[in-house]
PDB file of N, CA and C in Angstrom:
ATOM      1  N   MET A   1     134.917  95.946 120.220  1.00  0.00           N
ATOM      2  CA  MET A   1     134.432  96.446 119.033  1.00  0.00           C
ATOM      3  C   MET A   1     133.321  95.553 118.497  1.00  0.00           C
ATOM      4  N   LYS A   2     132.172  96.125 118.029  1.00  0.00           N
ATOM      5  CA  LYS A   2     130.899  95.348 117.505  1.00  0.00           C
ATOM      6  C   LYS A   2     131.302  94.454 116.523  1.00  0.00           C
ATOM      7  N   ALA A   3     132.117  95.146 115.305  1.00  0.00           N
ATOM      8  CA  ALA A   3     132.185  94.591 113.846  1.00  0.00           C
ATOM      9  C   ALA A   3     133.110  93.160 114.123  1.00  0.00           C
ATOM     10  N   LEU A   4     134.083  93.145 114.805  1.00  0.00           N
ATOM     11  CA  LEU A   4     134.985  92.194 115.436  1.00  0.00           C
ATOM     12  C   LEU A   4     134.229  91.076 115.982  1.00  0.00           C
ATOM     13  N   GLU A   5     133.418  91.544 116.929  1.00  0.00           N
ATOM     14  CA  GLU A   5     132.433  90.408 117.607  1.00  0.00           C
ATOM     15  C   GLU A   5     131.585  89.662 116.551  1.00  0.00           C
ATOM     16  N   MET A   6     130.937  90.385 115.728  1.00  0.00           N
ATOM     17  CA  MET A   6     130.045  90.068 114.792  1.00  0.00           C
ATOM     18  C   MET A   6     130.941  88.936 113.698  1.00  0.00           C
ATOM     19  N   PHE A   7     132.072  89.440 113.453  1.00  0.00           N
ATOM     20  CA  PHE A   7     132.721  88.564 112.608  1.00  0.00           C
ATOM     21  C   PHE A   7     133.049  87.126 113.539  1.00  0.00           C
ATOM     22  N   ARG A   8     133.619  87.254 114.258  1.00  0.00           N
ATOM     23  CA  ARG A   8     134.008  86.159 115.260  1.00  0.00           C
ATOM     24  C   ARG A   8     132.688  85.308 115.546  1.00  0.00           C
ATOM     25  N   ASP A   9     131.598  85.899 115.783  1.00  0.00           N
ATOM     26  CA  ASP A   9     130.264  85.097 116.000  1.00  0.00           C
ATOM     27  C   ASP A   9     129.898  84.331 114.586  1.00  0.00           C
ATOM     28  N   GLY A  10     130.170  84.873 113.632  1.00  0.00           N
ATOM     29  CA  GLY A  10     129.871  84.423 112.314  1.00  0.00           C
ATOM     30  C   GLY A  10     130.338  83.015 112.218  1.00  0.00           C
ATOM     31  N   GLY A  11     131.471  82.588 112.546  1.00  0.00           N
ATOM     32  CA  GLY A  11     132.272  81.397 112.596  1.00  0.00           C
ATOM     33  C   GLY A  11     133.164  81.217 111.346  1.00  0.00           C
ATOM     34  N   TRP A  12     133.520  80.236 110.955  1.00  0.00           N
ATOM     35  CA  TRP A  12     134.577  80.020 109.950  1.00  0.00           C
ATOM     36  C   TRP A  12     133.835  80.337 108.742  1.00  0.00           C
ATOM     37  N   GLY A  13     132.703  80.499 108.418  1.00  0.00           N
ATOM     38  CA  GLY A  13     132.144  80.910 107.123  1.00  0.00           C
ATOM     39  C   GLY A  13     132.400  82.454 106.745  1.00  0.00           C
ATOM     40  N   MET A  14     132.913  83.225 107.904  1.00  0.00           N
ATOM     41  CA  MET A  14     133.051  84.548 107.492  1.00  0.00           C
ATOM     42  C   MET A  14     134.402  84.649 106.764  1.00  0.00           C
ATOM     43  N   PHE A  15     135.464  83.808 106.700  1.00  0.00           N
ATOM     44  CA  PHE A  15     136.623  83.899 105.970  1.00  0.00           C
ATOM     45  C   PHE A  15     136.523  83.711 104.717  1.00  0.00           C
ATOM     46  N   PRO A  16     135.900  82.815 104.059  1.00  0.00           N
ATOM     47  CA  PRO A  16     135.545  82.835 102.676  1.00  0.00           C
ATOM     48  C   PRO A  16     134.581  83.807 102.280  1.00  0.00           C
ATOM     49  N   THR A  17     133.969  84.063 102.962  1.00  0.00           N
ATOM     50  CA  THR A  17     132.937  85.157 102.407  1.00  0.00           C
ATOM     51  C   THR A  17     133.631  86.681 102.247  1.00  0.00           C
ATOM     52  N   LEU A  18     134.704  86.766 103.260  1.00  0.00           N
ATOM     53  CA  LEU A  18     135.667  87.787 103.301  1.00  0.00           C
ATOM     54  C   LEU A  18     136.344  87.762 102.272  1.00  0.00           C
ATOM     55  N   LEU A  19     136.925  86.717 101.889  1.00  0.00           N
ATOM     56  CA  LEU A  19     138.204  86.650 100.554  1.00  0.00           C
ATOM     57  C   LEU A  19     137.363  86.697  99.340  1.00  0.00           C
ATOM     58  N   PHE A  20     136.261  86.034  99.116  1.00  0.00           N
ATOM     59  CA  PHE A  20     135.482  86.387  97.851  1.00  0.00           C
ATOM     60  C   PHE A  20     134.951  87.785  97.859  1.00  0.00           C
ATOM     61  N   GLY A  21     134.359  88.162  98.833  1.00  0.00           N
ATOM     62  CA  GLY A  21     133.863  89.792  99.021  1.00  0.00           C
ATOM     63  C   GLY A  21     134.951  90.896  98.623  1.00  0.00           C
ATOM     64  N   LEU A  22     136.127  90.423  99.039  1.00  0.00           N
ATOM     65  CA  LEU A  22     137.305  91.598  98.961  1.00  0.00           C
ATOM     66  C   LEU A  22     137.732  91.450  97.347  1.00  0.00           C
ATOM     67  N   ALA A  23     137.686  90.208  96.742  1.00  0.00           N
ATOM     68  CA  ALA A  23     137.912  90.006  95.348  1.00  0.00           C
ATOM     69  C   ALA A  23     136.719  90.771  94.556  1.00  0.00           C
ATOM     70  N   LEU A  24     135.424  90.472  94.952  1.00  0.00           N
ATOM     71  CA  LEU A  24     134.503  91.185  94.285  1.00  0.00           C
ATOM     72  C   LEU A  24     134.302  92.857  94.315  1.00  0.00           C
ATOM     73  N   LEU A  25     134.811  93.209  95.574  1.00  0.00           N
ATOM     74  CA  LEU A  25     135.045  94.821  95.568  1.00  0.00           C
ATOM     75  C   LEU A  25     136.044  95.297  94.739  1.00  0.00           C
ATOM     76  N   ALA A  26     137.088  94.492  94.478  1.00  0.00           N
ATOM     77  CA  ALA A  26     138.379  94.935  93.859  1.00  0.00           C
ATOM     78  C   ALA A  26     137.766  95.133  92.095  1.00  0.00           C
ATOM     79  N   VAL A  27     137.276  94.020  91.819  1.00  0.00           N
ATOM     80  CA  VAL A  27     136.813  93.969  90.539  1.00  0.00           C
ATOM     81  C   VAL A  27     135.732  94.844  90.255  1.00  0.00           C
ATOM     82  N   SER A  28     134.782  95.244  91.109  1.00  0.00           N
ATOM     83  CA  SER A  28     133.578  96.069  91.035  1.00  0.00           C
ATOM     84  C   SER A  28     134.468  97.470  90.901  1.00  0.00           C
ATOM     85  N   ALA A  29     135.478  97.961  91.742  1.00  0.00           N
ATOM     86  CA  ALA A  29     135.967  99.167  91.791  1.00  0.00           C
ATOM     87  C   ALA A  29     136.773  99.296  90.412  1.00  0.00           C
ATOM     88  N   ARG A  30     137.581  98.215  89.760  1.00  0.00           N
ATOM     89  CA  ARG A  30     138.049  98.255  88.544  1.00  0.00           C
ATOM     90  C   ARG A  30     137.107  98.792  87.361  1.00  0.00           C
ATOM     91  N   PHE A  31     135.879  97.974  87.418  1.00  0.00           N
ATOM     92  CA  PHE A  31     134.742  98.293  86.727  1.00  0.00           C
ATOM     93  C   PHE A  31     134.373  99.571  86.669  1.00  0.00           C
ATOM     94  N   ALA A  32     134.109 100.049  87.757  1.00  0.00           N
ATOM     95  CA  ALA A  32     133.905 101.236  87.932  1.00  0.00           C
ATOM     96  C   ALA A  32     134.766 102.403  87.415  1.00  0.00           C
ATOM     97  N   ARG A  33     135.975 102.144  87.396  1.00  0.00           N
ATOM     98  CA  ARG A  33     137.067 103.049  86.961  1.00  0.00           C
ATOM     99  C   ARG A  33     137.010 102.957  85.473  1.00  0.00           C
ATOM    100  N   ALA A  34     137.089 101.811  84.935  1.00  0.00           N
ATOM    101  CA  ALA A  34     137.402 101.574  83.394  1.00  0.00           C
ATOM    102  C   ALA A  34     136.328 100.534  83.052  1.00  0.00           C
ATOM    103  N   PRO A  35     135.058 100.746  82.902  1.00  0.00           N
ATOM    104  CA  PRO A  35     133.967  99.729  82.455  1.00  0.00           C
ATOM    105  C   PRO A  35     134.555  98.962  81.315  1.00  0.00           C
ATOM    106  N   SER A  36     134.276  97.599  81.094  1.00  0.00           N
ATOM    107  CA  SER A  36     134.532  96.882  80.273  1.00  0.00           C
ATOM    108  C   SER A  36     133.919  95.485  80.058  1.00  0.00           C
ATOM    109  N   PRO A  37     133.356  95.181  78.873  1.00  0.00           N
ATOM    110  CA  PRO A  37     132.275  94.055  78.914  1.00  0.00           C
ATOM    111  C   PRO A  37     132.715  92.760  79.456  1.00  0.00           C
ATOM    112  N   ARG A  38     134.296  92.694  79.387  1.00  0.00           N
ATOM    113  CA  ARG A  38     135.017  91.451  79.751  1.00  0.00           C
ATOM    114  C   ARG A  38     135.050  91.023  81.144  1.00  0.00           C
ATOM    115  N   LEU A  39     134.653  92.402  82.022  1.00  0.00           N
ATOM    116  CA  LEU A  39     134.613  92.137  83.475  1.00  0.00           C
ATOM    117  C   LEU A  39     133.373  91.555  84.050  1.00  0.00           C
ATOM    118  N   VAL A  40     132.204  91.906  83.141  1.00  0.00           N
ATOM    119  CA  VAL A  40     130.975  91.424  83.562  1.00  0.00           C
ATOM    120  C   VAL A  40     130.839  90.135  84.052  1.00  0.00           C
ATOM    121  N   PRO A  41     131.100  89.057  83.284  1.00  0.00           N
ATOM    122  CA  PRO A  41     131.068  87.511  83.795  1.00  0.00           C
ATOM    123  C   PRO A  41     131.923  87.434  85.111  1.00  0.00           C
ATOM    124  N   LEU A  42     133.071  88.114  85.238  1.00  0.00           N
ATOM    125  CA  LEU A  42     133.754  87.833  86.279  1.00  0.00           C
ATOM    126  C   LEU A  42     133.047  88.580  87.827  1.00  0.00           C
ATOM    127  N   LEU A  43     132.543  89.708  87.392  1.00  0.00           N
ATOM    128  CA  LEU A  43     131.589  90.349  88.543  1.00  0.00           C
ATOM    129  C   LEU A  43     130.289  89.535  88.738  1.00  0.00           C
ATOM    130  N   VAL A  44     129.635  88.896  87.996  1.00  0.00           N
ATOM    131  CA  VAL A  44     128.532  87.956  88.097  1.00  0.00           C
ATOM    132  C   VAL A  44     128.936  86.985  88.928  1.00  0.00           C
ATOM    133  N   ALA A  45     130.033  86.181  88.422  1.00  0.00           N
ATOM    134  CA  ALA A  45     130.436  85.067  89.036  1.00  0.00           C
ATOM    135  C   ALA A  45     130.942  85.393  90.582  1.00  0.00           C
ATOM    136  N   LEU A  46     131.779  86.418  90.789  1.00  0.00           N
ATOM    137  CA  LEU A  46     132.142  86.709  92.198  1.00  0.00           C
ATOM    138  C   LEU A  46     131.327  87.069  93.090  1.00  0.00           C
ATOM    139  N   ASN A  47     130.170  87.819  92.634  1.00  0.00           N
ATOM    140  CA  ASN A  47     128.817  87.968  93.394  1.00  0.00           C
ATOM    141  C   ASN A  47     128.196  86.890  93.823  1.00  0.00           C
ATOM    142  N   TRP A  48     127.998  85.957  92.923  1.00  0.00           N
ATOM    143  CA  TRP A  48     127.416  84.476  93.214  1.00  0.00           C
ATOM    144  C   TRP A  48     128.120  83.976  94.429  1.00  0.00           C
ATOM    145  N   LEU A  49     129.586  83.838  94.073  1.00  0.00           N
ATOM    146  CA  LEU A  49     130.371  83.138  94.858  1.00  0.00           C
ATOM    147  C   LEU A  49     130.455  83.669  96.352  1.00  0.00           C
ATOM    148  N   THR A  50     130.345  84.936  96.448  1.00  0.00           N
ATOM    149  CA  THR A  50     130.278  85.854  97.789  1.00  0.00           C
ATOM    150  C   THR A  50     129.080  85.361  98.604  1.00  0.00           C
ATOM    151  N   ILE A  51     127.777  85.361  97.890  1.00  0.00           N
ATOM    152  CA  ILE A  51     126.646  85.325  98.152  1.00  0.00           C
ATOM    153  C   ILE A  51     126.513  83.745  98.737  1.00  0.00           C
ATOM    154  N   THR A  52     127.079  82.857  97.977  1.00  0.00           N
ATOM    155  CA  THR A  52     126.990  81.372  98.250  1.00  0.00           C
ATOM    156  C   THR A  52     127.790  81.035  99.500  1.00  0.00           C
ATOM    157  N   ALA A  53     128.965  81.685  99.615  1.00  0.00           N
ATOM    158  CA  ALA A  53     129.800  81.531 100.878  1.00  0.00           C
ATOM    159  C   ALA A  53     129.090  81.805 102.045  1.00  0.00           C
ATOM    160  N   GLY A  54     128.418  83.018 102.075  1.00  0.00           N
ATOM    161  CA  GLY A  54     127.640  83.423 103.114  1.00  0.00           C
ATOM    162  C   GLY A  54     126.483  82.555 103.386  1.00  0.00           C
ATOM    163  N   ALA A  55     125.786  82.148 102.486  1.00  0.00           N
ATOM    164  CA  ALA A  55     124.635  81.070 102.773  1.00  0.00           C
ATOM    165  C   ALA A  55     125.290  79.891 103.309  1.00  0.00           C
ATOM    166  N   LEU A  56     126.392  79.346 102.760  1.00  0.00           N
ATOM    167  CA  LEU A  56     126.909  78.132 103.292  1.00  0.00           C
ATOM    168  C   LEU A  56     127.379  78.350 104.699  1.00  0.00           C
ATOM    169  N   GLY A  57     127.867  79.412 105.080  1.00  0.00           N
ATOM    170  CA  GLY A  57     128.295  79.930 106.441  1.00  0.00           C
ATOM    171  C   GLY A  57     127.176  79.930 107.383  1.00  0.00           C
ATOM    172  N   PHE A  58     125.739  80.485 106.847  1.00  0.00           N
ATOM    173  CA  PHE A  58     124.521  80.532 107.629  1.00  0.00           C
ATOM    174  C   PHE A  58     124.198  79.080 107.790  1.00  0.00           C
ATOM    175  N   ILE A  59     124.262  78.044 106.717  1.00  0.00           N
ATOM    176  CA  ILE A  59     123.500  76.914 107.091  1.00  0.00           C
ATOM    177  C   ILE A  59     124.209  75.917 107.851  1.00  0.00           C
ATOM    178  N   THR A  60     125.724  76.138 107.962  1.00  0.00           N
ATOM    179  CA  THR A  60     126.519  75.348 108.836  1.00  0.00           C
ATOM    180  C   THR A  60     126.303  75.888 110.244  1.00  0.00           C
ATOM    181  N   GLY A  61     126.041  76.975 110.362  1.00  0.00           N
ATOM    182  CA  GLY A  61     125.853  77.787 111.639  1.00  0.00           C
ATOM    183  C   GLY A  61     124.459  77.182 112.284  1.00  0.00           C
ATOM    184  N   ILE A  62     123.523  77.011 111.163  1.00  0.00           N
ATOM    185  CA  ILE A  62     122.199  76.402 111.892  1.00  0.00           C
ATOM    186  C   ILE A  62     122.219  74.908 112.088  1.00  0.00           C
ATOM    187  N   VAL A  63     123.151  74.270 111.460  1.00  0.00           N
ATOM    188  CA  VAL A  63     123.255  72.780 111.903  1.00  0.00           C
ATOM    189  C   VAL A  63     124.144  72.615 113.199  1.00  0.00           C
ATOM    190  N   ALA A  64     125.162  73.434 113.274  1.00  0.00           N
ATOM    191  CA  ALA A  64     125.655  73.399 114.491  1.00  0.00           C
ATOM    192  C   ALA A  64     124.889  73.990 115.717  1.00  0.00           C
ATOM    193  N   THR A  65     123.997  74.833 115.505  1.00  0.00           N
ATOM    194  CA  THR A  65     122.946  75.163 116.614  1.00  0.00           C
ATOM    195  C   THR A  65     121.990  74.062 116.870  1.00  0.00           C
ATOM    196  N   CYS A  66     121.464  73.370 115.689  1.00  0.00           N
ATOM    197  CA  CYS A  66     120.481  72.374 116.107  1.00  0.00           C
ATOM    198  C   CYS A  66     121.170  71.073 116.569  1.00  0.00           C
ATOM    199  N   THR A  67     122.404  71.015 116.092  1.00  0.00           N
ATOM    200  CA  THR A  67     123.084  69.768 116.869  1.00  0.00           C
ATOM    201  C   THR A  67     123.438  69.949 118.442  1.00  0.00           C
ATOM    202  N   ALA A  68     123.703  71.113 118.550  1.00  0.00           N
ATOM    203  CA  ALA A  68     123.776  71.503 120.078  1.00  0.00           C
ATOM    204  C   ALA A  68     122.581  71.263 120.947  1.00  0.00           C
ATOM    205  N   LEU A  69     121.440  71.987 120.295  1.00  0.00           N
ATOM    206  CA  LEU A  69     120.106  71.783 120.824  1.00  0.00           C
ATOM    207  C   LEU A  69     119.664  70.199 121.369  1.00  0.00           C
ATOM    208  N   ALA A  70     120.246  69.607 120.243  1.00  0.00           N
ATOM    209  CA  ALA A  70     119.635  68.047 120.440  1.00  0.00           C
ATOM    210  C   ALA A  70     120.627  67.357 121.480  1.00  0.00           C
ATOM    211  N   GLY A  71     121.760  67.936 121.999  1.00  0.00           N
ATOM    212  CA  GLY A  71     122.664  67.354 122.889  1.00  0.00           C
ATOM    213  C   GLY A  71     121.934  67.196 124.495  1.00  0.00           C
ATOM    214  N   PRO A  72     122.531  66.380 125.075  1.00  0.00           N
ATOM    215  CA  PRO A  72     121.881  65.991 126.406  1.00  0.00           C
ATOM    216  C   PRO A  72     122.297  67.340 127.432  1.00  0.00           C
ATOM    217  N   GLY A  73     121.288  67.517 128.390  1.00  0.00           N
ATOM    218  CA  GLY A  73     121.513  68.295 129.510  1.00  0.00           C
ATOM    219  C   GLY A  73     121.568  70.008 128.808  1.00  0.00           C
ATOM    220  N   ILE A  74     120.853  70.100 127.845  1.00  0.00           N
ATOM    221  CA  ILE A  74     120.815  71.751 127.383  1.00  0.00           C
ATOM    222  C   ILE A  74     119.539  72.202 128.209  1.00  0.00           C
ATOM    223  N   THR A  75     119.842  73.272 128.759  1.00  0.00           N
ATOM    224  CA  THR A  75     118.367  74.038 129.318  1.00  0.00           C
ATOM    225  C   THR A  75     118.557  75.408 128.418  1.00  0.00           C
ATOM    226  N   GLU A  76     117.300  75.987 128.567  1.00  0.00           N
ATOM    227  CA  GLU A  76     117.141  77.351 127.935  1.00  0.00           C
ATOM    228  C   GLU A  76     117.387  77.086 126.438  1.00  0.00           C
ATOM    229  N   THR A  77     116.535  76.240 126.012  1.00  0.00           N
ATOM    230  CA  THR A  77     116.873  75.832 124.407  1.00  0.00           C
ATOM    231  C   THR A  77     116.523  76.926 123.574  1.00  0.00           C
ATOM    232  N   SER A  78     115.346  77.745 123.759  1.00  0.00           N
ATOM    233  CA  SER A  78     114.933  78.586 123.072  1.00  0.00           C
ATOM    234  C   SER A  78     115.910  79.662 122.807  1.00  0.00           C
ATOM    235  N   ARG A  79     116.554  80.185 123.938  1.00  0.00           N
ATOM    236  CA  ARG A  79     117.418  81.230 124.039  1.00  0.00           C
ATOM    237  C   ARG A  79     118.498  80.875 123.245  1.00  0.00           C
ATOM    238  N   ILE A  80     119.129  79.567 123.314  1.00  0.00           N
ATOM    239  CA  ILE A  80     120.302  79.090 122.599  1.00  0.00           C
ATOM    240  C   ILE A  80     119.963  78.957 121.145  1.00  0.00           C
ATOM    241  N   ALA A  81     118.667  78.736 120.743  1.00  0.00           N
ATOM    242  CA  ALA A  81     118.359  78.635 119.394  1.00  0.00           C
ATOM    243  C   ALA A  81     118.361  80.136 118.735  1.00  0.00           C
ATOM    244  N   PHE A  82     117.860  80.820 119.361  1.00  0.00           N
ATOM    245  CA  PHE A  82     117.692  82.272 118.630  1.00  0.00           C
ATOM    246  C   PHE A  82     119.220  82.890 118.773  1.00  0.00           C
ATOM    247  N   GLU A  83     120.077  82.763 119.763  1.00  0.00           N
ATOM    248  CA  GLU A  83     121.377  82.979 119.698  1.00  0.00           C
ATOM    249  C   GLU A  83     122.034  82.479 118.427  1.00  0.00           C
ATOM    250  N   GLY A  84     122.021  81.225 118.393  1.00  0.00           N
ATOM    251  CA  GLY A  84     122.508  80.505 117.365  1.00  0.00           C
ATOM    252  C   GLY A  84     122.254  80.945 115.742  1.00  0.00           C
ATOM    253  N   VAL A  85     120.718  80.898 115.717  1.00  0.00           N
ATOM    254  CA  VAL A  85     120.392  81.511 114.404  1.00  0.00           C
ATOM    255  C   VAL A  85     120.832  82.845 114.120  1.00  0.00           C
ATOM    256  N   GLY A  86     120.839  83.738 115.157  1.00  0.00           N
ATOM    257  CA  GLY A  86     121.356  85.304 115.020  1.00  0.00           C
ATOM    258  C   GLY A  86     122.938  85.246 114.651  1.00  0.00           C
ATOM    259  N   GLU A  87     123.540  84.507 115.382  1.00  0.00           N
ATOM    260  CA  GLU A  87     124.972  84.503 115.166  1.00  0.00           C
ATOM    261  C   GLU A  87     125.151  83.937 113.577  1.00  0.00           C
ATOM    262  N   SER A  88     124.355  82.920 113.171  1.00  0.00           N
ATOM    263  CA  SER A  88     124.510  82.356 111.864  1.00  0.00           C
ATOM    264  C   SER A  88     124.131  83.545 110.658  1.00  0.00           C
ATOM    265  N   LEU A  89     123.295  84.294 111.051  1.00  0.00           N
ATOM    266  CA  LEU A  89     122.714  85.255 110.083  1.00  0.00           C
ATOM    267  C   LEU A  89     123.687  86.225 109.786  1.00  0.00           C
ATOM    268  N   TYR A  90     124.787  86.333 110.595  1.00  0.00           N
ATOM    269  CA  TYR A  90     125.922  87.376 110.214  1.00  0.00           C
ATOM    270  C   TYR A  90     126.695  86.883 109.206  1.00  0.00           C
ATOM    271  N   ASN A  91     126.941  85.563 108.542  1.00  0.00           N
ATOM    272  CA  ASN A  91     127.245  85.227 107.394  1.00  0.00           C
ATOM    273  C   ASN A  91     126.602  85.838 106.121  1.00  0.00           C
ATOM    274  N   ILE A  92     125.257  85.621 106.243  1.00  0.00           N
ATOM    275  CA  ILE A  92     124.424  86.260 105.204  1.00  0.00           C
ATOM    276  C   ILE A  92     124.423  87.776 104.906  1.00  0.00           C
ATOM    277  N   ALA A  93     124.417  88.442 106.367  1.00  0.00           N
ATOM    278  CA  ALA A  93     124.471  89.981 106.190  1.00  0.00           C
ATOM    279  C   ALA A  93     125.909  90.233 105.799  1.00  0.00           C
ATOM    280  N   PHE A  94     126.967  89.796 105.975  1.00  0.00           N
ATOM    281  CA  PHE A  94     128.184  89.895 105.585  1.00  0.00           C
ATOM    282  C   PHE A  94     128.175  89.709 104.018  1.00  0.00           C
ATOM    283  N   ALA A  95     127.903  88.575 103.705  1.00  0.00           N
ATOM    284  CA  ALA A  95     127.975  88.358 101.998  1.00  0.00           C
ATOM    285  C   ALA A  95     127.036  89.339 101.479  1.00  0.00           C
ATOM    286  N   PHE A  96     125.892  89.863 101.897  1.00  0.00           N
ATOM    287  CA  PHE A  96     124.962  90.792 101.089  1.00  0.00           C
ATOM    288  C   PHE A  96     125.641  92.284 101.190  1.00  0.00           C
ATOM    289  N   LEU A  97     126.404  92.333 102.161  1.00  0.00           N
ATOM    290  CA  LEU A  97     127.084  93.818 102.410  1.00  0.00           C
ATOM    291  C   LEU A  97     128.087  93.832 101.288  1.00  0.00           C
ATOM    292  N   PHE A  98     128.812  92.790 100.926  1.00  0.00           N
ATOM    293  CA  PHE A  98     129.822  92.940  99.949  1.00  0.00           C
ATOM    294  C   PHE A  98     129.244  93.007  98.657  1.00  0.00           C
ATOM    295  N   ALA A  99     128.007  92.206  98.409  1.00  0.00           N
ATOM    296  CA  ALA A  99     127.237  92.245  97.231  1.00  0.00           C
ATOM    297  C   ALA A  99     126.550  93.683  96.959  1.00  0.00           C
ATOM    298  N   MET A 100     126.182  94.358  98.147  1.00  0.00           N
ATOM    299  CA  MET A 100     125.433  95.672  97.886  1.00  0.00           C
ATOM    300  C   MET A 100     126.724  96.742  97.448  1.00  0.00           C
ATOM    301  N   VAL A 101     127.794  96.685  98.044  1.00  0.00           N
ATOM    302  CA  VAL A 101     128.935  97.601  97.735  1.00  0.00           C
ATOM    303  C   VAL A 101     129.199  97.486  96.326  1.00  0.00           C
ATOM    304  N   ALA A 102     129.512  96.067  95.997  1.00  0.00           N
ATOM    305  CA  ALA A 102     129.996  95.942  94.728  1.00  0.00           C
ATOM    306  C   ALA A 102     129.035  96.172  93.690  1.00  0.00           C
ATOM    307  N   ALA A 103     127.549  96.106  93.939  1.00  0.00           N
ATOM    308  CA  ALA A 103     126.671  96.518  93.080  1.00  0.00           C
ATOM    309  C   ALA A 103     126.759  97.858  92.788  1.00  0.00           C
ATOM    310  N   VAL A 104     126.965  98.729  93.627  1.00  0.00           N
ATOM    311  CA  VAL A 104     127.234 100.050  93.464  1.00  0.00           C
ATOM    312  C   VAL A 104     128.200 100.546  92.329  1.00  0.00           C
ATOM    313  N   GLY A 105     129.367  99.670  92.633  1.00  0.00           N
ATOM    314  CA  GLY A 105     130.537 100.132  91.785  1.00  0.00           C
ATOM    315  C   GLY A 105     129.991  99.331  90.167  1.00  0.00           C
ATOM    316  N   ALA A 106     129.490  98.371  90.191  1.00  0.00           N
ATOM    317  CA  ALA A 106     129.177  97.517  88.847  1.00  0.00           C
ATOM    318  C   ALA A 106     128.151  98.710  88.344  1.00  0.00           C
ATOM    319  N   THR A 107     127.150  99.113  89.004  1.00  0.00           N
ATOM    320  CA  THR A 107     126.049 100.001  88.398  1.00  0.00           C
ATOM    321  C   THR A 107     126.591 101.288  87.947  1.00  0.00           C
ATOM    322  N   PHE A 108     127.650 101.834  88.645  1.00  0.00           N
ATOM    323  CA  PHE A 108     128.456 103.196  88.164  1.00  0.00           C
ATOM    324  C   PHE A 108     129.262 102.736  86.806  1.00  0.00           C
ATOM    325  N   GLY A 109     129.788 101.604  86.845  1.00  0.00           N
ATOM    326  CA  GLY A 109     130.827 101.163  85.702  1.00  0.00           C
ATOM    327  C   GLY A 109     129.634 101.053  84.393  1.00  0.00           C
ATOM    328  N   ALA A 110     128.451 100.043  84.569  1.00  0.00           N
ATOM    329  CA  ALA A 110     127.607 100.093  83.580  1.00  0.00           C
ATOM    330  C   ALA A 110     126.985 101.240  83.003  1.00  0.00           C
ATOM    331  N   TRP A 111     126.856 102.340  83.881  1.00  0.00           N
ATOM    332  CA  TRP A 111     126.209 103.564  83.527  1.00  0.00           C
ATOM    333  C   TRP A 111     127.342 104.325  82.604  1.00  0.00           C
ATOM    334  N   ARG A 112     128.370 104.296  83.097  1.00  0.00           N
ATOM    335  CA  ARG A 112     129.518 104.788  82.211  1.00  0.00           C
ATOM    336  C   ARG A 112     129.638 104.022  80.770  1.00  0.00           C
ATOM    337  N   MET A 113     129.646 102.726  80.887  1.00  0.00           N
ATOM    338  CA  MET A 113     129.678 102.159  79.467  1.00  0.00           C
ATOM    339  C   MET A 113     128.486 102.480  78.667  1.00  0.00           C
ATOM    340  N   ALA A 114     127.536 102.691  79.259  1.00  0.00           N
ATOM    341  CA  ALA A 114     126.220 102.900  78.522  1.00  0.00           C
ATOM    342  C   ALA A 114     126.412 104.520  77.769  1.00  0.00           C
ATOM    343  N   ARG A 115     126.840 105.122  78.724  1.00  0.00           N
ATOM    344  CA  ARG A 115     127.021 106.760  78.259  1.00  0.00           C
ATOM    345  C   ARG A 115     128.150 106.749  77.124  1.00  0.00           C
ATOM    346  N   GLU A 116     129.318 106.030  77.354  1.00  0.00           N
ATOM    347  CA  GLU A 116     130.240 106.114  76.229  1.00  0.00           C
ATOM    348  C   GLU A 116     129.587 105.593  74.968  1.00  0.00           C
ATOM    349  N   ARG A 117     129.142 104.488  75.054  1.00  0.00           N
ATOM    350  CA  ARG A 117     128.572 103.994  73.859  1.00  0.00           C
ATOM    351  C   ARG A 117     127.365 104.770  73.056  1.00  0.00           C
ATOM    352  N   ARG A 118     126.753 105.595  74.023  1.00  0.00           N
ATOM    353  CA  ARG A 118     125.793 106.674  73.452  1.00  0.00           C
ATOM    354  C   ARG A 118     126.629 107.691  72.777  1.00  0.00           C
ATOM    355  N   LEU A 119     127.759 108.000  73.347  1.00  0.00           N
ATOM    356  CA  LEU A 119     128.361 109.132  72.739  1.00  0.00           C
ATOM    357  C   LEU A 119     129.185 108.717  71.467  1.00  0.00           C
ATOM    358  N   GLU A 120     129.560 107.388  71.422  1.00  0.00           N
ATOM    359  CA  GLU A 120     130.281 106.907  70.177  1.00  0.00           C
ATOM    360  C   GLU A 120     129.003 106.725  69.119  1.00  0.00           C
ATOM    361  N   SER A 121     127.777 106.385  69.317  1.00  0.00           N
ATOM    362  CA  SER A 121     126.669 106.477  68.294  1.00  0.00           C
ATOM    363  C   SER A 121     126.512 107.627  67.790  1.00  0.00           C
ATOM    364  N   VAL A 122     126.483 108.767  68.684  1.00  0.00           N
ATOM    365  CA  VAL A 122     126.320 110.166  68.149  1.00  0.00           C
ATOM    366  C   VAL A 122     127.302 110.741  67.352  1.00  0.00           C
ATOM    367  N   ALA A 123     128.546 110.434  67.625  1.00  0.00           N
ATOM    368  CA  ALA A 123     129.724 110.940  66.787  1.00  0.00           C
ATOM    369  C   ALA A 123     129.826 110.351  65.508  1.00  0.00           C
TER     370      ALA A 123
END
C-alpha cells in the first residue's frame, strides 16, 4: 500500500506529525460543530505545531541524506540525493495535509460563528 510506504519512508518525523495532526483535526471538527472563540488559539497553535513537526522531519531527513552522501564508497550520489530529498518531503506533505483538512473545519466553524453573530445582531 502506497500510503504506508510513504509513512515509513518519511521516517521518525511522521510520528509527531501524525500525533499533532490528529489533535488538530479533532479540535477542528469540534470547532466546526460548535464554533467558539475560545478554540481559535488552540487551532492556531496546533496548526503551527503540526507544520513545525513536518518541517523538522523534513530537515532531519535532509541532514541524514547529506550525511550519507558524504560517506565513503557512495556511488550514484545524485540518485541517492533525489531519493532522500523525496522521502524527506513526505513529512512536509503529511503536515500540510493535516493543516489543509483542519483549515476546512476551521473555516466552516468561522463561517457558522459569523453567521450566528449576524443573526444575533439582527434580532
